[in-house]
Amino acid sequence: MVLVNGIAYPGELLAIMGSSGAGKTTLLNTLMFKSSPNVIVSGYTALNGFPVSSGTLSSLSAYVQQDDLFIGTLTVREHLVFQALVRMDRHIPYKQRMIRVEQVITEVLTDPPLMFCDEPTSGLDSFMAQNVVSVLKAMAKKGKTVVSTIHQPSSEVFSLFDKVLLMAEGRVAFLGSTDEACTFFKQMGAACPSNYNPSDYFIELLAIIPTREDSCKQTIELICDNFQNSEIGLKIHHATEPRTDLHMQEMGMGGWMDLGSSWKVSDSKRSPYKASWWNQMRAVLWRSWLATMKEPVLIKVRILQTVLVGLLIGVIYYGQELNQDGVMNINGAIFVLITNMTFQNVFAVINVFCAELPVFKREHFNGMYRTDVYFLCKTIAEIPVFIVIPVIFISISYYIIGLNPGPERFWMAVFILTLVANVSTSFGYFISCVSSNVDMALTIGPAIIIPFMLFGGFFLNNSSVPIYFKWFSYLSWFKYANEALLINQWEGVEQIDCTASNITCPKNGLVVVETLNFSFENLDMDMLSLAGLIIGLRFLAYLALLSRTYRSY
């Protein structure tokens, strides 16, 4: 339980301190409306006495969380440009945004009047920690309200704080200036020894020692109760009582408008996003494209893999002729092409969304862009790759194998295999969006692909599929692609060489297709079905990603 009643003023740097588990980060998440669903929150967050909503507070503040989550392939400048495009008000011109990027080395990008920082000095040495806190102190002096959690600061850093909020067991043990803190604990009979870092002393005093849990909890309860009933505690309680002004009916509008004369609340308050949908689209697409292009090694490996596998399949099935053995080998080669294109593309994207999920959720909940914008941009940015790859693959293996040599047949095969590549990519997106991590995606992905592959018409004739498994074939892109490529291969083949003694040898292409229980009339429907699977799987992937935004953050 976290029971906190406190206040922070403009122009002050307030440090929230306490031992591990005291509730510091929980308090910040609650103030910023970012608590997980299993946390029950009562009370309210107010600006100048007027309760505010999550959207209003988000537009007026910046929340610097402890964990750094960035797209690793972007430079610092590119990251700042992206932030400027999606976080600054939609009516600010592009040129002014870029000027702001140049100024950001010494300032905060959106220059908000409120700042919340969760352990900004974590992992830093004492010198760097002092520099960071000095920057926060300088920002507070400009009239901002800066609230920061910090864990055992040095005495130099502690002296920089205007106010400290000491927490223990989820309660407020003290809130006031550093001098008032020393006075308060001295009156409690627990004066800080001379030549002792006050922050270390306070944290040790309010910590739970494993061998003395009961006595420590009694001490903490006594300190918290005394502060609550102290003169400072009563003043804070009175100052944080909700206002009853007529402005309250305006849902806080007007009561906090004096937070800073330089701060202008976005007139896009009807939307939680600063940037318009189109500007979000342009910014996220630009970043997604940069992230894709800035992995040249990965792209080269994909192309090299495609070339080598294409050559390998071509060499294995080299120079097939139109006879009984050739028919079986050609049909097998076609199914191998489909299978390779499926697994290659599924594994290429199966980690895309689950790997970037923490970054996406943080940026989305910070009101930077919509879920549909992120999903569309990620998929659009990768489309060129998943068009080039199948073209290279089929171009290498097609004529080496000895498939139907007509140019229109070749380009039809290219088109069909490109559809297969994008269906499998869509399936990979879906698995990535429903998986909580990469390991889970790699586990369930192949397990789901195998049944669709079995009902693709190569291992099992469609006429012998049990009725209760028939729906697998209707959802199997292997089946549609296999039928389409076989029709493309055998249509117009009037004669297949057979020995006189072999009565089971198919005489022409029509017999080959009919033997597999396929029909020449289904070519258009097969391609439409593949296109439908691309759209359907991507829509399901989007819904899965959207559902993640409603889960715990």
Protein backbone atom coordinates (compact mmCIF):
# COMPACT_ATOMS: atom_id res chain seq x y z
CA MET A 1 0.00 0.00 0.00
CA VAL A 2 1.23 3.48 -0.87
CA LEU A 3 -0.38 6.25 1.19
CA VAL A 4 1.00 9.59 0.05
CA ASN A 5 -0.16 13.14 0.53
CA GLY A 6 2.31 15.70 -0.74
CA ILE A 7 2.90 18.84 -2.74
CA ALA A 8 5.61 20.14 -5.10
CA TYR A 9 6.03 23.80 -6.02
CA PRO A 10 7.33 25.52 -9.17
CA GLY A 11 10.98 26.49 -8.96
CA GLU A 12 11.78 23.58 -6.64
CA LEU A 13 13.63 20.32 -7.07
CA LEU A 14 11.86 17.68 -4.98
CA ALA A 15 13.70 14.41 -4.34
CA ILE A 16 11.75 11.30 -3.40
CA MET A 17 13.98 9.07 -1.29
CA GLY A 18 13.63 5.78 0.50
CA SER A 19 15.01 2.28 0.69
CA SER A 20 14.29 -0.30 -2.00
CA GLY A 21 10.60 -1.20 -2.01
CA ALA A 22 9.54 1.98 -0.23
CA GLY A 23 7.19 2.86 -3.09
CA LYS A 24 9.13 5.57 -4.94
CA THR A 25 8.61 4.31 -8.49
CA THR A 26 5.06 3.21 -7.65
CA LEU A 27 4.31 6.77 -6.55
CA LEU A 28 5.70 8.28 -9.76
CA ASN A 29 3.78 5.82 -11.94
CA THR A 30 0.61 6.63 -10.01
CA LEU A 31 1.11 10.38 -10.38
CA MET A 32 1.59 9.92 -14.14
CA PHE A 33 -1.42 7.56 -14.47
CA LYS A 34 0.87 4.70 -15.51
CA SER A 35 0.06 2.21 -12.77
CA SER A 36 -0.40 -1.41 -13.79
CA PRO A 37 -4.01 -2.70 -13.85
CA ASN A 38 -3.51 -4.73 -10.66
CA VAL A 39 -2.75 -1.54 -8.68
CA ILE A 40 -5.84 0.01 -7.08
CA VAL A 41 -5.55 3.80 -6.99
CA SER A 42 -7.71 6.17 -4.96
CA GLY A 43 -7.36 9.89 -4.44
CA TYR A 44 -6.38 12.33 -7.16
CA THR A 45 -3.52 14.19 -8.82
CA ALA A 46 -4.00 17.96 -8.94
CA LEU A 47 -2.28 20.96 -10.49
CA ASN A 48 -2.74 24.15 -8.45
CA GLY A 49 -5.51 22.37 -6.57
CA PHE A 50 -7.47 21.31 -9.62
CA PRO A 51 -7.69 17.58 -10.43
CA VAL A 52 -6.29 16.71 -13.85
CA SER A 53 -6.74 13.82 -16.23
CA SER A 54 -4.03 11.62 -17.69
CA GLY A 55 -4.14 13.41 -21.05
CA THR A 56 -3.86 16.87 -19.51
CA LEU A 57 -0.96 15.91 -17.24
CA SER A 58 0.82 14.16 -20.11
CA SER A 59 0.61 17.29 -22.26
CA LEU A 60 2.03 19.44 -19.44
CA SER A 61 4.81 17.18 -18.21
CA ALA A 62 7.74 14.97 -19.10
CA TYR A 63 8.34 11.59 -17.46
CA VAL A 64 11.92 10.32 -17.65
CA GLN A 65 11.75 6.66 -16.68
CA GLN A 66 14.63 4.67 -15.27
CA ASP A 67 15.09 2.27 -18.19
CA ASP A 68 16.39 3.67 -21.46
CA LEU A 69 14.41 2.33 -24.41
CA PHE A 70 15.52 3.45 -27.87
CA ILE A 71 15.81 2.17 -31.41
CA GLY A 72 19.48 1.21 -31.36
CA THR A 73 20.17 1.85 -35.04
CA LEU A 74 19.31 5.56 -34.88
CA THR A 75 21.83 8.29 -34.15
CA VAL A 76 21.15 10.80 -31.36
CA ARG A 77 20.21 13.47 -33.91
CA GLU A 78 17.82 11.14 -35.74
CA HIS A 79 16.20 10.17 -32.45
CA LEU A 80 15.72 13.83 -31.50
CA VAL A 81 14.31 14.69 -34.93
CA PHE A 82 11.78 11.87 -34.55
CA GLN A 83 10.86 13.06 -31.06
CA ALA A 84 10.41 16.60 -32.36
CA LEU A 85 8.11 15.40 -35.14
CA VAL A 86 5.75 13.46 -32.88
CA ARG A 87 5.95 15.23 -29.51
CA MET A 88 5.87 18.93 -30.32
CA ASP A 89 2.55 20.63 -31.00
CA ARG A 90 1.10 19.90 -34.43
CA HIS A 91 0.96 23.59 -35.40
CA ILE A 92 4.69 24.20 -34.90
CA PRO A 93 6.40 24.49 -38.33
CA TYR A 94 8.99 21.94 -39.39
CA LYS A 95 11.77 24.55 -39.49
CA GLN A 96 11.08 25.59 -35.91
CA ARG A 97 11.13 21.96 -34.82
CA MET A 98 14.59 21.51 -36.33
CA ILE A 99 15.81 24.67 -34.60
CA ARG A 100 14.54 23.17 -31.35
CA VAL A 101 16.51 19.99 -32.05
CA GLU A 102 19.69 22.09 -32.26
CA GLN A 103 18.90 23.64 -28.87
CA VAL A 104 18.11 20.36 -27.14
CA ILE A 105 21.67 19.74 -25.93
CA THR A 106 21.06 22.15 -23.07
CA GLU A 107 17.28 21.99 -22.79
CA VAL A 108 14.36 19.59 -22.79
CA LEU A 109 12.76 19.13 -26.20
CA THR A 110 9.18 20.06 -25.33
CA ASP A 111 10.20 22.37 -22.44
CA PRO A 112 7.36 21.26 -20.11
CA PRO A 113 6.59 23.04 -16.81
CA LEU A 114 6.52 19.70 -14.94
CA MET A 115 9.22 17.03 -14.92
CA PHE A 116 9.19 13.61 -13.29
CA CYS A 117 12.44 11.61 -13.24
CA ASP A 118 12.75 8.04 -11.99
CA GLU A 119 16.27 7.55 -10.59
CA PRO A 120 18.09 9.63 -13.24
CA THR A 121 21.44 8.99 -11.51
CA SER A 122 21.14 5.20 -11.52
CA GLY A 123 24.39 3.59 -12.67
CA LEU A 124 26.37 6.86 -12.61
CA ASP A 125 29.43 7.68 -10.54
CA SER A 126 29.19 10.44 -7.94
CA PHE A 127 30.63 13.10 -10.25
CA MET A 128 28.23 12.38 -13.12
CA ALA A 129 25.33 12.03 -10.68
CA GLN A 130 26.10 15.49 -9.32
CA ASN A 131 26.19 16.89 -12.86
CA VAL A 132 22.80 15.38 -13.68
CA VAL A 133 21.18 16.71 -10.51
CA SER A 134 22.77 20.12 -11.14
CA VAL A 135 21.06 20.21 -14.53
CA LEU A 136 17.73 19.35 -12.89
CA LYS A 137 18.35 22.05 -10.28
CA ALA A 138 19.04 24.61 -13.02
CA MET A 139 15.81 23.64 -14.78
CA ALA A 140 13.88 24.04 -11.53
CA LYS A 141 15.32 27.53 -11.09
CA LYS A 142 13.68 28.48 -14.39
CA GLY A 143 10.29 27.98 -12.77
CA LYS A 144 9.73 24.31 -13.51
CA THR A 145 8.48 21.79 -10.99
CA VAL A 146 10.96 18.91 -10.94
CA VAL A 147 10.19 15.71 -9.02
CA SER A 148 12.81 12.97 -8.99
CA THR A 149 13.33 9.69 -7.20
CA ILE A 150 16.88 8.97 -6.13
CA HIS A 151 18.59 6.18 -4.22
CA GLN A 152 21.24 7.12 -1.63
CA PRO A 153 22.68 10.35 -3.09
CA SER A 154 26.03 11.68 -1.96
CA SER A 155 26.10 14.57 0.51
CA GLU A 156 26.95 16.98 -2.34
CA VAL A 157 23.96 15.81 -4.36
CA PHE A 158 21.70 15.84 -1.30
CA SER A 159 22.52 19.50 -0.67
CA LEU A 160 21.21 20.41 -4.14
CA PHE A 161 17.65 19.37 -3.33
CA ASP A 162 15.16 22.07 -2.36
CA LYS A 163 12.80 19.56 -0.76
CA VAL A 164 12.98 15.87 0.08
CA LEU A 165 10.13 13.39 0.40
CA LEU A 166 11.21 10.44 2.54
CA MET A 167 9.16 7.29 2.01
CA ALA A 168 8.97 4.09 4.02
CA GLU A 169 6.56 1.19 3.69
CA GLY A 170 4.54 3.21 1.18
CA ARG A 171 3.97 6.15 3.55
CA VAL A 172 5.39 9.65 3.84
CA ALA A 173 7.95 9.83 6.64
CA PHE A 174 8.85 13.44 5.90
CA LEU A 175 8.32 16.15 3.28
CA GLY A 176 10.17 19.44 3.49
CA SER A 177 13.55 21.09 3.08
CA THR A 178 16.76 19.27 3.93
CA ASP A 179 17.29 21.50 6.99
CA GLU A 180 13.72 20.85 8.16
CA ALA A 181 14.36 17.12 7.78
CA CYS A 182 17.34 17.25 10.13
CA THR A 183 15.32 19.31 12.62
CA PHE A 184 12.32 16.96 12.47
CA PHE A 185 14.34 13.82 13.17
CA LYS A 186 16.26 15.61 15.91
CA GLN A 187 12.95 16.38 17.61
CA MET A 188 12.07 12.69 17.24
CA GLY A 189 15.20 11.81 19.20
CA ALA A 190 16.96 10.47 16.12
CA ALA A 191 19.32 13.31 15.26
CA CYS A 192 21.66 12.82 12.34
CA PRO A 193 25.24 12.44 13.65
CA SER A 194 27.71 15.15 12.69
CA ASN A 195 29.96 14.44 9.70
CA TYR A 196 27.40 11.89 8.47
CA ASN A 197 25.65 11.97 5.12
CA PRO A 198 22.03 12.86 6.01
CA SER A 199 20.60 10.89 3.08
CA ASP A 200 22.41 7.70 4.17
CA TYR A 201 21.24 8.21 7.73
CA PHE A 202 17.59 8.78 6.80
CA ILE A 203 17.48 5.76 4.50
CA GLU A 204 19.11 3.52 7.12
CA LEU A 205 16.68 4.80 9.76
CA LEU A 206 13.67 4.05 7.54
CA ALA A 207 14.91 0.68 6.23
CA ILE A 208 13.56 -2.74 7.19
CA ILE A 209 16.39 -4.80 8.68
CA PRO A 210 15.78 -8.55 8.06
CA THR A 211 16.54 -9.58 11.64
CA ARG A 212 14.44 -6.78 13.20
CA GLU A 213 11.37 -6.46 11.01
CA ASP A 214 8.87 -5.81 13.82
CA SER A 215 10.88 -3.12 15.61
CA CYS A 216 11.76 -1.40 12.31
CA LYS A 217 8.12 -1.31 11.24
CA GLN A 218 7.11 0.13 14.62
CA THR A 219 9.76 2.84 14.25
CA ILE A 220 8.59 3.67 10.73
CA GLU A 221 4.96 3.81 11.81
CA LEU A 222 5.85 6.14 14.70
CA ILE A 223 7.83 8.48 12.41
CA CYS A 224 5.11 8.57 9.74
CA ASP A 225 2.37 9.22 12.31
CA ASN A 226 4.37 11.99 13.96
CA PHE A 227 5.02 13.69 10.64
CA GLN A 228 1.36 13.42 9.66
CA ASN A 229 0.37 15.22 12.87
CA SER A 230 3.25 17.69 12.81
CA GLU A 231 2.90 21.34 11.84
CA ILE A 232 4.49 20.68 8.43
CA GLY A 233 2.28 17.64 7.83
CA LEU A 234 -0.91 19.53 8.70
CA LYS A 235 0.07 22.41 6.40
CA ILE A 236 0.58 19.96 3.54
CA HIS A 237 -2.76 18.31 4.27
CA HIS A 238 -4.50 21.69 4.17
CA ALA A 239 -2.66 22.75 0.98
CA THR A 240 -3.64 19.57 -0.84
CA GLU A 241 -7.36 19.72 -0.09
CA PRO A 242 -9.32 19.88 -3.37
CA ARG A 243 -10.58 23.29 -4.38
CA THR A 244 -14.27 24.02 -4.56
CA ASP A 245 -13.99 26.90 -7.04
CA LEU A 246 -16.51 27.15 -9.83
CA HIS A 247 -13.65 26.33 -12.17
CA MET A 248 -13.76 22.75 -10.94
CA GLN A 249 -16.68 22.13 -13.26
CA GLU A 250 -14.32 22.89 -16.11
CA MET A 251 -12.39 19.70 -15.31
CA GLY A 252 -9.34 21.59 -14.23
CA MET A 253 -9.20 23.99 -17.19
CA GLY A 254 -8.00 27.40 -16.07
CA GLY A 255 -6.82 26.36 -12.64
CA TRP A 256 -3.42 25.28 -13.88
CA MET A 257 -3.03 27.69 -16.80
CA ASP A 258 -0.49 29.78 -14.86
CA LEU A 259 2.04 26.97 -14.75
CA GLY A 260 4.28 28.97 -17.04
CA SER A 261 3.70 31.87 -19.35
CA SER A 262 5.88 30.29 -22.03
CA TRP A 263 3.92 27.06 -22.00
CA LYS A 264 0.99 26.78 -24.34
CA VAL A 265 -1.42 23.92 -23.88
CA SER A 266 -2.04 22.25 -27.20
CA ASP A 267 -5.38 23.06 -28.74
CA SER A 268 -5.36 19.43 -29.83
CA LYS A 269 -6.56 18.49 -26.33
CA ARG A 270 -9.38 16.56 -27.90
CA SER A 271 -6.67 14.10 -28.93
CA PRO A 272 -3.96 12.66 -26.66
CA TYR A 273 -1.47 13.02 -29.52
CA LYS A 274 0.49 16.19 -30.25
CA ALA A 275 1.06 15.34 -33.92
CA SER A 276 -1.68 14.78 -36.47
CA TRP A 277 -2.24 11.30 -37.88
CA TRP A 278 -0.45 12.20 -41.10
CA ASN A 279 2.55 13.72 -39.31
CA GLN A 280 2.77 10.67 -37.08
CA MET A 281 2.71 8.51 -40.19
CA ARG A 282 5.51 10.44 -41.86
CA ALA A 283 7.70 10.48 -38.75
CA VAL A 284 7.28 6.82 -37.79
CA LEU A 285 7.66 5.67 -41.41
CA TRP A 286 10.85 7.72 -41.71
CA ARG A 287 12.23 6.14 -38.53
CA SER A 288 11.16 2.62 -39.54
CA TRP A 289 12.79 3.00 -42.94
CA LEU A 290 16.00 4.30 -41.34
CA ALA A 291 16.03 1.38 -38.90
CA THR A 292 15.62 -1.06 -41.79
CA MET A 293 18.27 0.53 -43.99
CA LYS A 294 20.73 0.90 -41.10
CA GLU A 295 21.07 -2.85 -40.84
CA PRO A 296 23.01 -3.45 -44.08
CA VAL A 297 24.68 -6.56 -42.72
CA LEU A 298 21.29 -8.15 -42.03
CA ILE A 299 20.02 -7.23 -45.50
CA LYS A 300 23.19 -8.58 -47.13
CA VAL A 301 22.88 -11.81 -45.15
CA ARG A 302 19.25 -12.20 -46.29
CA ILE A 303 20.21 -11.64 -49.93
CA LEU A 304 23.20 -14.00 -49.66
CA GLN A 305 21.02 -16.64 -48.02
CA THR A 306 18.44 -16.25 -50.80
CA VAL A 307 21.08 -16.60 -53.52
CA LEU A 308 22.73 -19.64 -51.93
CA VAL A 309 19.46 -21.47 -51.24
CA GLY A 310 18.20 -20.63 -54.75
CA LEU A 311 21.38 -22.05 -56.27
CA LEU A 312 21.23 -25.12 -54.02
CA ILE A 313 17.64 -25.93 -54.98
CA GLY A 314 18.47 -25.27 -58.63
CA VAL A 315 21.46 -27.62 -58.56
CA ILE A 316 19.55 -30.37 -56.74
CA TYR A 317 16.66 -30.25 -59.25
CA TYR A 318 18.83 -29.29 -62.23
CA GLY A 319 17.51 -29.77 -65.77
CA GLN A 320 14.22 -31.61 -65.25
CA GLU A 321 12.63 -33.10 -68.34
CA LEU A 322 8.96 -33.68 -69.18
CA ASN A 323 8.76 -37.37 -68.32
CA GLN A 324 7.36 -39.32 -65.40
CA ASP A 325 10.40 -38.75 -63.17
CA GLY A 326 10.52 -35.11 -64.20
CA VAL A 327 6.86 -34.57 -63.24
CA MET A 328 7.46 -35.81 -59.70
CA ASN A 329 10.67 -33.81 -59.33
CA ILE A 330 9.15 -30.60 -60.71
CA ASN A 331 6.18 -30.87 -58.34
CA GLY A 332 8.57 -31.44 -55.45
CA ALA A 333 10.75 -28.49 -56.47
CA ILE A 334 7.72 -26.19 -56.60
CA PHE A 335 6.66 -27.17 -53.08
CA VAL A 336 10.23 -26.72 -51.83
CA LEU A 337 10.22 -23.18 -53.28
CA ILE A 338 7.02 -22.40 -51.36
CA THR A 339 8.30 -23.95 -48.13
CA ASN A 340 11.63 -22.15 -48.24
CA MET A 341 10.00 -18.80 -48.99
CA THR A 342 7.62 -19.35 -46.05
CA PHE A 343 10.17 -20.23 -43.39
CA GLN A 344 12.72 -17.68 -44.60
CA ASN A 345 10.27 -14.79 -44.31
CA VAL A 346 8.52 -15.93 -41.14
CA PHE A 347 11.81 -16.13 -39.27
CA ALA A 348 12.93 -12.80 -40.75
CA VAL A 349 10.09 -10.91 -39.03
CA ILE A 350 9.01 -13.12 -36.15
CA ASN A 351 10.92 -10.98 -33.64
CA VAL A 352 10.03 -7.56 -35.09
CA PHE A 353 7.16 -6.57 -32.82
CA CYS A 354 7.93 -8.55 -29.67
CA ALA A 355 11.51 -7.19 -29.65
CA GLU A 356 10.35 -3.57 -30.01
CA LEU A 357 7.29 -3.95 -27.77
CA PRO A 358 8.78 -2.11 -24.75
CA VAL A 359 9.78 0.86 -26.95
CA PHE A 360 6.40 0.89 -28.67
CA LYS A 361 4.41 0.75 -25.44
CA ARG A 362 6.38 3.53 -23.79
CA GLU A 363 6.14 5.84 -26.81
CA HIS A 364 2.48 5.00 -27.40
CA PHE A 365 1.50 5.64 -23.77
CA ASN A 366 3.45 8.90 -23.90
CA GLY A 367 1.07 10.04 -26.63
CA MET A 368 3.65 10.06 -29.42
CA TYR A 369 1.77 8.00 -32.01
CA ARG A 370 -1.20 5.69 -32.50
CA THR A 371 -1.04 1.91 -32.65
CA ASP A 372 -2.29 1.78 -36.23
CA VAL A 373 0.38 4.28 -37.32
CA TYR A 374 3.15 2.20 -35.77
CA PHE A 375 1.88 -1.05 -37.28
CA LEU A 376 1.37 0.39 -40.76
CA CYS A 377 4.78 2.04 -40.82
CA LYS A 378 6.64 -1.05 -39.63
CA THR A 379 4.99 -3.19 -42.30
CA ILE A 380 5.27 -0.62 -45.11
CA ALA A 381 8.97 0.00 -44.43
CA GLU A 382 9.76 -3.68 -44.96
CA ILE A 383 7.66 -4.24 -48.09
CA PRO A 384 10.52 -3.50 -50.56
CA VAL A 385 12.69 -6.17 -48.92
CA PHE A 386 9.94 -8.78 -49.19
CA ILE A 387 9.43 -8.00 -52.86
CA VAL A 388 13.11 -8.08 -53.83
CA ILE A 389 13.87 -11.33 -51.96
CA PRO A 390 11.34 -13.57 -53.80
CA VAL A 391 12.25 -12.01 -57.17
CA ILE A 392 15.93 -12.87 -56.64
CA PHE A 393 15.06 -16.34 -55.35
CA ILE A 394 12.80 -17.44 -58.20
CA SER A 395 14.97 -15.77 -60.84
CA ILE A 396 17.92 -17.96 -59.83
CA SER A 397 16.18 -21.31 -59.46
CA TYR A 398 13.40 -21.13 -62.08
CA TYR A 399 15.34 -21.82 -65.26
CA ILE A 400 18.02 -23.96 -63.59
CA ILE A 401 15.32 -26.40 -62.52
CA GLY A 402 13.80 -26.34 -65.99
CA LEU A 403 10.34 -25.04 -65.18
CA ASN A 404 7.96 -23.85 -67.91
CA PRO A 405 10.22 -21.58 -70.03
CA GLY A 406 7.58 -19.15 -71.28
CA PRO A 407 8.32 -15.57 -70.11
CA GLU A 408 4.70 -15.03 -69.06
CA ARG A 409 4.93 -18.23 -66.99
CA PHE A 410 8.10 -16.98 -65.34
CA TRP A 411 6.61 -13.63 -64.36
CA MET A 412 3.45 -15.33 -63.12
CA ALA A 413 5.63 -17.54 -60.91
CA VAL A 414 7.43 -14.43 -59.64
CA PHE A 415 4.09 -12.82 -58.77
CA ILE A 416 2.75 -15.91 -56.99
CA LEU A 417 5.92 -16.43 -54.98
CA THR A 418 5.92 -12.74 -54.02
CA LEU A 419 2.40 -13.25 -52.67
CA VAL A 420 3.68 -16.26 -50.72
CA ALA A 421 6.52 -14.18 -49.28
CA ASN A 422 4.11 -11.53 -48.07
CA VAL A 423 1.58 -14.03 -46.68
CA SER A 424 4.34 -15.69 -44.66
CA THR A 425 5.58 -12.25 -43.58
CA SER A 426 2.05 -11.40 -42.43
CA PHE A 427 1.92 -14.68 -40.51
CA GLY A 428 5.26 -13.81 -38.90
CA TYR A 429 3.89 -10.41 -37.88
CA PHE A 430 0.87 -12.10 -36.30
CA ILE A 431 3.02 -14.53 -34.30
CA SER A 432 5.29 -11.66 -33.25
CA CYS A 433 2.35 -9.57 -32.03
CA VAL A 434 0.75 -12.34 -29.97
CA SER A 435 4.05 -13.45 -28.40
CA SER A 436 5.36 -11.91 -25.22
CA ASN A 437 8.99 -12.51 -26.19
CA VAL A 438 11.18 -13.81 -29.01
CA ASP A 439 11.58 -17.27 -27.47
CA MET A 440 7.82 -17.74 -27.36
CA ALA A 441 7.49 -16.60 -30.98
CA LEU A 442 10.20 -19.02 -32.16
CA THR A 443 8.47 -21.84 -30.29
CA ILE A 444 4.89 -21.43 -31.49
CA GLY A 445 5.64 -20.19 -35.03
CA PRO A 446 6.92 -23.44 -36.59
CA ALA A 447 4.39 -25.50 -34.63
CA ILE A 448 1.54 -23.62 -36.33
CA ILE A 449 3.14 -23.63 -39.79
CA ILE A 450 3.50 -27.43 -39.97
CA PRO A 451 -0.26 -28.25 -40.13
CA PHE A 452 -0.76 -25.69 -42.90
CA MET A 453 2.15 -27.23 -44.79
CA LEU A 454 0.74 -30.75 -44.43
CA PHE A 455 -2.53 -29.66 -46.04
CA GLY A 456 -0.77 -27.92 -48.93
CA GLY A 457 -1.60 -30.68 -51.43
CA PHE A 458 1.86 -32.25 -51.64
CA PHE A 459 2.06 -34.59 -48.66
CA LEU A 460 -1.67 -35.30 -48.62
CA ASN A 461 -4.03 -35.28 -51.60
CA ASN A 462 -6.86 -32.80 -51.10
CA SER A 463 -9.48 -35.46 -51.85
CA SER A 464 -8.34 -37.55 -48.88
CA VAL A 465 -8.38 -34.78 -46.26
CA PRO A 466 -10.85 -35.68 -43.46
CA ILE A 467 -13.86 -33.38 -43.34
CA TYR A 468 -13.02 -32.20 -39.81
CA PHE A 469 -9.59 -31.04 -41.02
CA LYS A 470 -10.84 -29.44 -44.22
CA TRP A 471 -10.71 -25.94 -42.75
CA PHE A 472 -6.91 -26.25 -42.51
CA SER A 473 -6.65 -26.40 -46.29
CA TYR A 474 -8.88 -23.32 -46.66
CA LEU A 475 -6.47 -21.34 -44.47
CA SER A 476 -3.29 -22.87 -45.92
CA TRP A 477 -1.30 -20.56 -48.18
CA PHE A 478 0.72 -23.67 -49.10
CA LYS A 479 -2.39 -25.10 -50.76
CA TYR A 480 -3.26 -21.95 -52.73
CA ALA A 481 0.34 -21.30 -53.78
CA ASN A 482 0.98 -24.93 -54.69
CA GLU A 483 -2.14 -25.10 -56.84
CA ALA A 484 -1.38 -21.76 -58.52
CA LEU A 485 2.24 -22.63 -59.32
CA LEU A 486 1.32 -26.11 -60.58
CA ILE A 487 -1.35 -24.62 -62.86
CA ASN A 488 1.19 -22.09 -64.09
CA GLN A 489 3.69 -24.90 -64.72
CA TRP A 490 1.45 -27.50 -66.40
CA GLU A 491 -1.10 -25.41 -68.27
CA GLY A 492 -0.50 -25.81 -72.00
CA VAL A 493 1.73 -28.87 -71.62
CA GLU A 494 0.14 -31.21 -74.16
CA GLN A 495 2.52 -34.16 -73.95
CA ILE A 496 4.64 -35.85 -71.31
CA ASP A 497 7.01 -38.61 -72.40
CA CYS A 498 6.00 -41.97 -70.98
CA THR A 499 7.23 -45.52 -71.55
CA ALA A 500 4.78 -47.88 -73.19
CA SER A 501 4.69 -50.21 -70.18
CA ASN A 502 3.93 -47.46 -67.64
CA ILE A 503 0.18 -46.98 -67.66
CA THR A 504 0.22 -44.66 -64.56
CA CYS A 505 2.31 -42.00 -66.27
CA PRO A 506 0.36 -38.73 -66.75
CA LYS A 507 -0.03 -38.00 -70.46
CA ASN A 508 -0.21 -34.20 -70.22
CA GLY A 509 -0.33 -31.26 -67.84
CA LEU A 510 -4.09 -31.50 -67.32
CA VAL A 511 -3.74 -35.03 -65.93
CA VAL A 512 -0.95 -33.92 -63.58
CA VAL A 513 -3.10 -31.18 -62.08
CA GLU A 514 -6.24 -33.32 -61.84
CA THR A 515 -4.31 -36.16 -60.19
CA LEU A 516 -3.55 -33.80 -57.32
CA ASN A 517 -7.25 -32.84 -57.15
CA PHE A 518 -6.51 -29.31 -58.38
CA SER A 519 -8.33 -27.42 -61.13
CA PHE A 520 -7.13 -24.98 -63.80
CA GLU A 521 -10.19 -22.85 -63.08
CA ASN A 522 -8.93 -22.02 -59.57
CA LEU A 523 -5.90 -19.93 -60.58
CA ASP A 524 -7.55 -16.53 -60.09
CA MET A 525 -9.21 -17.65 -56.87
CA ASP A 526 -5.88 -18.95 -55.54
CA MET A 527 -4.20 -15.58 -56.07
CA LEU A 528 -7.16 -13.73 -54.56
CA SER A 529 -7.04 -16.08 -51.58
CA LEU A 530 -3.33 -15.36 -51.08
CA ALA A 531 -4.02 -11.63 -51.22
CA GLY A 532 -6.89 -12.10 -48.75
CA LEU A 533 -4.60 -13.97 -46.35
CA ILE A 534 -2.10 -11.11 -46.51
CA ILE A 535 -4.79 -8.63 -45.49
CA GLY A 536 -6.47 -10.94 -42.98
CA LEU A 537 -3.29 -11.97 -41.17
CA ARG A 538 -2.05 -8.39 -40.96
CA PHE A 539 -5.39 -7.28 -39.58
CA LEU A 540 -5.22 -10.01 -36.93
CA ALA A 541 -1.65 -8.97 -36.16
CA TYR A 542 -2.81 -5.37 -35.71
CA LEU A 543 -5.62 -6.45 -33.37
CA ALA A 544 -3.13 -8.50 -31.35
CA LEU A 545 -0.79 -5.51 -31.08
CA LEU A 546 -3.71 -3.26 -30.17
CA SER A 547 -4.69 -5.63 -27.37
CA ARG A 548 -1.19 -5.28 -25.92
CA THR A 549 -1.84 -1.58 -25.32
CA TYR A 550 -4.63 -2.51 -22.90
CA ARG A 551 -2.45 -4.83 -20.84
CA SER A 552 -0.18 -3.90 -17.99
CA TYR A 553 2.56 -1.50 -18.89
